Amino acid sequence: MERPSLNPASFGYQGLGQAWDPHRPDITRLLRDSEHATIEPIYFGSNHCFLVTLEAGEVGRSLTVYKPGRGEYPLYDFPTGTLYRREAGSWLVDRMLGWSLVPPTVISHGRFGPGSVQLFIESYSRGDVDILELQRLALLDLVLNNADRKSDHCLLGDGGKLWAIDHGLTFHVHPKLRTVLWHFAGERIPPECLADVQRLLGCLETLEAEESSELRELLSFEEWRALIRRTARLAEMEYFPDPRHKSVPYRW
């Protein structure tokens, strides 16, 4: 896909003009309160997923991705009907970290009941990715205990911005990390990333941040405590984990 010569982001939209700019200050309200004007199924996924057009009056329309809880197929290791909550929770963690890797995601009520509504990202097939963003994504998956990081869950947006989608299999109490992002195994973690993780830990422990209070409502008590333990452990690490130096290897 070719990049457009005109970038409508200055008007509150992404480069192709199909979806709102993820950095606009009113994006959370727009995702939660806008009317669901059209809905079309997205095929080839494990669960029911829909491309929804939101209508917000003078603000205009935007594509989003809607995943209703009732459309989730049961899993043996994740509580039924909770994956959409984990999608929204992953965005809250990313927001507290300040990394802007997960597209804005909220819980809203659509045609098929409550579910996650995530801003659609206009992605491009070519472009350079900032190494720091890849490092942050690897660390984010450690915090989230992401059991489903695939390469096609990574999108390249406007200006080469890295975005990560599909976070339904996160926040499990037991170690579930399964990822393709082993590029930095054994390397030193950037100090600025560790500082962000330490700030996240403070938000989780004190519940002072609005996002941390919202997140606490989305997780079970056991999942919440496991999240704090993972974050605390990562905040003390100096190097990215290496799957070769683990008695029970990480899943690839």
Protein backbone atom coordinates (compact mmCIF):
# COMPACT_ATOMS: atom_id res chain seq x y z
CA MET A 1 0.00 0.00 0.00
CA GLU A 2 1.42 3.38 -1.01
CA ARG A 3 1.54 6.17 1.52
CA PRO A 4 -0.66 9.17 0.63
CA SER A 5 1.01 12.46 -0.21
CA LEU A 6 -1.42 14.33 2.07
CA ASN A 7 -1.61 13.34 5.70
CA PRO A 8 -5.03 14.26 7.19
CA ALA A 9 -3.69 13.60 10.72
CA SER A 10 -3.71 17.38 11.26
CA PHE A 11 -7.50 17.16 10.87
CA GLY A 12 -7.78 14.40 13.49
CA TYR A 13 -7.43 11.45 11.12
CA GLN A 14 -4.76 8.95 10.13
CA GLY A 15 -3.00 9.29 6.79
CA LEU A 16 -5.58 7.55 4.62
CA GLY A 17 -8.50 9.30 6.29
CA GLN A 18 -10.34 6.09 7.24
CA ALA A 19 -9.82 6.23 11.00
CA TRP A 20 -9.29 8.84 13.67
CA ASP A 21 -5.82 9.83 14.81
CA PRO A 22 -4.97 7.59 17.82
CA HIS A 23 -3.31 10.52 19.58
CA ARG A 24 -6.26 12.91 19.55
CA PRO A 25 -7.19 13.85 23.14
CA ASP A 26 -10.86 12.92 22.80
CA ILE A 27 -10.26 9.45 21.32
CA THR A 28 -11.43 7.54 24.42
CA ARG A 29 -14.73 9.40 24.54
CA LEU A 30 -15.25 8.95 20.79
CA LEU A 31 -14.71 5.21 20.98
CA ARG A 32 -17.04 4.81 23.95
CA ASP A 33 -19.88 7.14 23.02
CA SER A 34 -20.11 7.22 19.21
CA GLU A 35 -22.93 5.49 17.36
CA HIS A 36 -22.21 2.17 15.68
CA ALA A 37 -23.30 3.11 12.15
CA THR A 38 -22.26 0.03 10.17
CA ILE A 39 -20.92 -3.42 11.06
CA GLU A 40 -19.23 -6.05 8.90
CA PRO A 41 -17.69 -9.39 9.95
CA ILE A 42 -13.94 -9.89 9.86
CA TYR A 43 -13.22 -13.47 8.90
CA PHE A 44 -10.32 -15.88 9.56
CA GLY A 45 -10.04 -15.10 13.29
CA SER A 46 -10.41 -17.52 16.20
CA ASN A 47 -13.30 -15.50 17.66
CA HIS A 48 -16.06 -13.34 16.28
CA CYS A 49 -14.69 -9.97 15.21
CA PHE A 50 -16.32 -7.07 13.36
CA LEU A 51 -15.27 -3.97 11.45
CA VAL A 52 -17.48 -1.20 12.80
CA THR A 53 -17.87 2.34 11.53
CA LEU A 54 -18.43 4.82 14.34
CA GLU A 55 -20.43 7.98 13.70
CA ALA A 56 -19.68 11.03 15.86
CA GLY A 57 -21.64 13.85 14.25
CA GLU A 58 -19.48 16.80 13.26
CA VAL A 59 -16.33 14.91 14.26
CA GLY A 60 -16.97 12.46 11.44
CA ARG A 61 -16.70 8.71 11.02
CA SER A 62 -13.97 6.21 11.87
CA LEU A 63 -13.28 2.52 11.38
CA THR A 64 -12.89 0.45 14.53
CA VAL A 65 -12.62 -3.23 15.47
CA TYR A 66 -15.34 -4.64 17.72
CA LYS A 67 -14.89 -7.94 19.60
CA PRO A 68 -18.01 -8.89 21.58
CA GLY A 69 -17.66 -11.10 24.63
CA ARG A 70 -20.45 -13.40 23.47
CA GLY A 71 -18.46 -14.19 20.31
CA GLU A 72 -15.50 -15.69 22.16
CA TYR A 73 -14.97 -19.43 21.76
CA PRO A 74 -14.32 -21.18 25.12
CA LEU A 75 -10.70 -21.92 26.03
CA TYR A 76 -9.52 -24.46 28.58
CA ASP A 77 -7.08 -22.07 30.25
CA PHE A 78 -8.79 -18.64 30.10
CA PRO A 79 -12.12 -17.80 31.77
CA THR A 80 -14.94 -17.70 29.22
CA GLY A 81 -16.09 -14.27 28.11
CA THR A 82 -13.06 -12.35 29.44
CA LEU A 83 -10.85 -11.89 26.38
CA TYR A 84 -12.37 -8.55 25.43
CA ARG A 85 -11.64 -7.27 28.93
CA ARG A 86 -8.00 -8.27 28.48
CA GLU A 87 -7.88 -6.32 25.20
CA ALA A 88 -8.96 -3.17 27.02
CA GLY A 89 -6.68 -3.91 29.98
CA SER A 90 -3.64 -4.23 27.72
CA TRP A 91 -4.27 -0.74 26.38
CA LEU A 92 -4.52 0.63 29.92
CA VAL A 93 -1.13 -0.88 30.82
CA ASP A 94 0.42 0.53 27.66
CA ARG A 95 -1.09 3.92 28.43
CA MET A 96 0.40 3.94 31.94
CA LEU A 97 3.78 3.07 30.45
CA GLY A 98 3.41 5.92 27.96
CA TRP A 99 4.57 3.82 25.02
CA SER A 100 1.59 4.14 22.64
CA LEU A 101 2.02 0.66 21.23
CA VAL A 102 -1.56 -0.59 21.66
CA PRO A 103 -4.25 1.27 19.69
CA PRO A 104 -6.81 2.99 21.94
CA THR A 105 -9.19 0.30 23.19
CA VAL A 106 -12.30 0.64 25.34
CA ILE A 107 -15.20 -1.50 26.48
CA SER A 108 -18.44 -0.52 24.82
CA HIS A 109 -21.85 -1.97 24.02
CA GLY A 110 -22.38 -2.88 20.36
CA ARG A 111 -24.92 -4.86 18.37
CA PHE A 112 -23.87 -8.12 20.01
CA GLY A 113 -23.48 -6.87 23.54
CA PRO A 114 -20.50 -5.65 25.54
CA GLY A 115 -17.10 -6.05 23.97
CA SER A 116 -13.86 -4.29 23.16
CA VAL A 117 -13.81 -1.49 20.60
CA GLN A 118 -10.33 -0.74 19.26
CA LEU A 119 -9.36 2.06 16.91
CA PHE A 120 -8.58 0.77 13.41
CA ILE A 121 -4.95 1.30 12.40
CA GLU A 122 -4.23 2.10 8.77
CA SER A 123 -1.15 -0.07 8.21
CA TYR A 124 1.48 -0.14 5.50
CA SER A 125 3.42 -3.11 4.17
CA ARG A 126 6.82 -1.41 4.08
CA GLY A 127 8.84 0.90 6.26
CA ASP A 128 11.47 1.09 8.96
CA VAL A 129 10.68 0.32 12.59
CA ASP A 130 12.33 2.09 15.51
CA ILE A 131 14.40 -0.44 17.47
CA LEU A 132 13.35 1.15 20.75
CA GLU A 133 9.70 0.51 19.92
CA LEU A 134 10.43 -3.18 19.29
CA GLN A 135 12.27 -3.35 22.61
CA ARG A 136 9.33 -1.73 24.35
CA LEU A 137 6.94 -4.21 22.75
CA ALA A 138 9.02 -7.15 23.95
CA LEU A 139 8.92 -5.71 27.47
CA LEU A 140 5.20 -4.98 27.26
CA ASP A 141 4.54 -8.63 26.41
CA LEU A 142 6.50 -9.66 29.49
CA VAL A 143 4.35 -7.42 31.68
CA LEU A 144 1.13 -8.61 30.04
CA ASN A 145 2.22 -12.26 30.00
CA ASN A 146 1.16 -12.33 26.35
CA ALA A 147 0.48 -15.85 25.13
CA ASP A 148 -0.11 -14.87 21.52
CA ARG A 149 2.46 -12.48 20.03
CA LYS A 150 2.64 -13.22 16.31
CA SER A 151 4.37 -11.21 13.61
CA ASP A 152 1.05 -10.32 11.96
CA HIS A 153 -0.06 -8.75 15.24
CA CYS A 154 2.47 -5.97 14.59
CA LEU A 155 1.35 -3.15 12.29
CA LEU A 156 3.24 -0.27 10.71
CA GLY A 157 1.25 2.95 10.84
CA ASP A 158 1.79 6.55 9.80
CA GLY A 159 5.39 7.70 9.96
CA GLY A 160 6.66 4.17 10.61
CA LYS A 161 4.88 4.02 13.99
CA LEU A 162 4.72 0.50 15.43
CA TRP A 163 1.34 -0.72 16.68
CA ALA A 164 0.48 -4.03 18.34
CA ILE A 165 -2.96 -5.67 18.24
CA ASP A 166 -4.72 -8.84 19.47
CA HIS A 167 -4.22 -8.91 23.24
CA GLY A 168 -7.00 -11.26 24.27
CA LEU A 169 -4.63 -13.89 25.68
CA THR A 170 -2.98 -11.81 28.37
CA PHE A 171 -2.87 -11.40 32.17
CA HIS A 172 -2.91 -15.14 32.95
CA VAL A 173 -1.85 -16.08 36.48
CA HIS A 174 0.58 -18.75 35.22
CA PRO A 175 3.52 -18.09 32.86
CA LYS A 176 2.17 -18.13 29.31
CA LEU A 177 4.63 -16.02 27.32
CA ARG A 178 4.63 -17.07 23.67
CA THR A 179 6.26 -14.65 21.26
CA VAL A 180 8.28 -14.19 18.10
CA LEU A 181 10.11 -11.18 19.60
CA TRP A 182 13.36 -12.77 20.75
CA HIS A 183 15.57 -10.33 18.85
CA PHE A 184 16.96 -8.79 22.05
CA ALA A 185 17.43 -11.93 24.14
CA GLY A 186 20.33 -11.49 26.52
CA GLU A 187 20.81 -7.80 25.67
CA ARG A 188 20.75 -5.01 28.23
CA ILE A 189 17.36 -3.37 28.74
CA PRO A 190 17.45 0.39 27.98
CA PRO A 191 17.47 2.33 31.27
CA GLU A 192 14.63 4.59 30.10
CA CYS A 193 12.44 1.51 29.57
CA LEU A 194 13.18 0.26 33.08
CA ALA A 195 12.27 3.70 34.45
CA ASP A 196 8.91 3.44 32.71
CA VAL A 197 8.33 -0.04 34.13
CA GLN A 198 9.18 1.19 37.63
CA ARG A 199 6.68 4.04 37.21
CA LEU A 200 4.06 1.51 36.11
CA LEU A 201 4.75 -0.54 39.23
CA GLY A 202 4.10 2.51 41.40
CA CYS A 203 0.78 3.12 39.62
CA LEU A 204 -0.31 -0.48 40.16
CA GLU A 205 0.69 -0.62 43.81
CA THR A 206 -0.94 2.66 44.81
CA LEU A 207 -3.95 2.64 42.43
CA GLU A 208 -3.51 6.40 42.19
CA ALA A 209 -3.68 6.53 38.38
CA GLU A 210 -7.14 6.49 36.83
CA GLU A 211 -6.01 3.76 34.44
CA SER A 212 -4.87 1.49 37.27
CA SER A 213 -8.27 1.70 38.96
CA GLU A 214 -9.99 0.84 35.67
CA LEU A 215 -7.62 -2.05 35.10
CA ARG A 216 -8.22 -3.44 38.59
CA GLU A 217 -11.91 -3.77 37.74
CA LEU A 218 -11.13 -5.85 34.64
CA LEU A 219 -8.98 -8.52 36.30
CA SER A 220 -9.49 -11.10 39.01
CA PHE A 221 -7.66 -10.67 42.30
CA GLU A 222 -5.19 -13.44 41.37
CA GLU A 223 -4.52 -11.90 37.95
CA TRP A 224 -3.98 -8.49 39.53
CA ARG A 225 -1.46 -9.81 42.02
CA ALA A 226 0.33 -11.77 39.28
CA LEU A 227 0.57 -8.59 37.19
CA ILE A 228 2.20 -6.72 40.06
CA ARG A 229 4.66 -9.57 40.65
CA ARG A 230 5.65 -9.68 36.97
CA THR A 231 6.08 -5.91 36.84
CA ALA A 232 8.18 -5.88 40.02
CA ARG A 233 10.37 -8.68 38.70
CA LEU A 234 10.89 -6.92 35.37
CA ALA A 235 11.68 -3.61 37.10
CA GLU A 236 14.70 -5.31 38.73
CA MET A 237 16.01 -6.98 35.56
CA GLU A 238 19.02 -5.66 33.65
CA TYR A 239 18.79 -7.90 30.59
CA PHE A 240 16.09 -9.21 28.30
CA PRO A 241 15.28 -12.85 29.13
CA ASP A 242 16.98 -15.48 27.02
CA PRO A 243 14.97 -18.65 26.28
CA ARG A 244 18.17 -20.70 26.15
CA HIS A 245 18.83 -20.07 29.84
CA LYS A 246 15.60 -21.36 31.30
CA SER A 247 14.86 -24.82 32.66
CA VAL A 248 11.39 -24.77 31.07
CA PRO A 249 11.86 -22.92 27.76
CA TYR A 250 9.63 -20.04 26.75
CA ARG A 251 7.22 -21.00 24.01
CA TRP A 252 8.04 -19.65 20.55
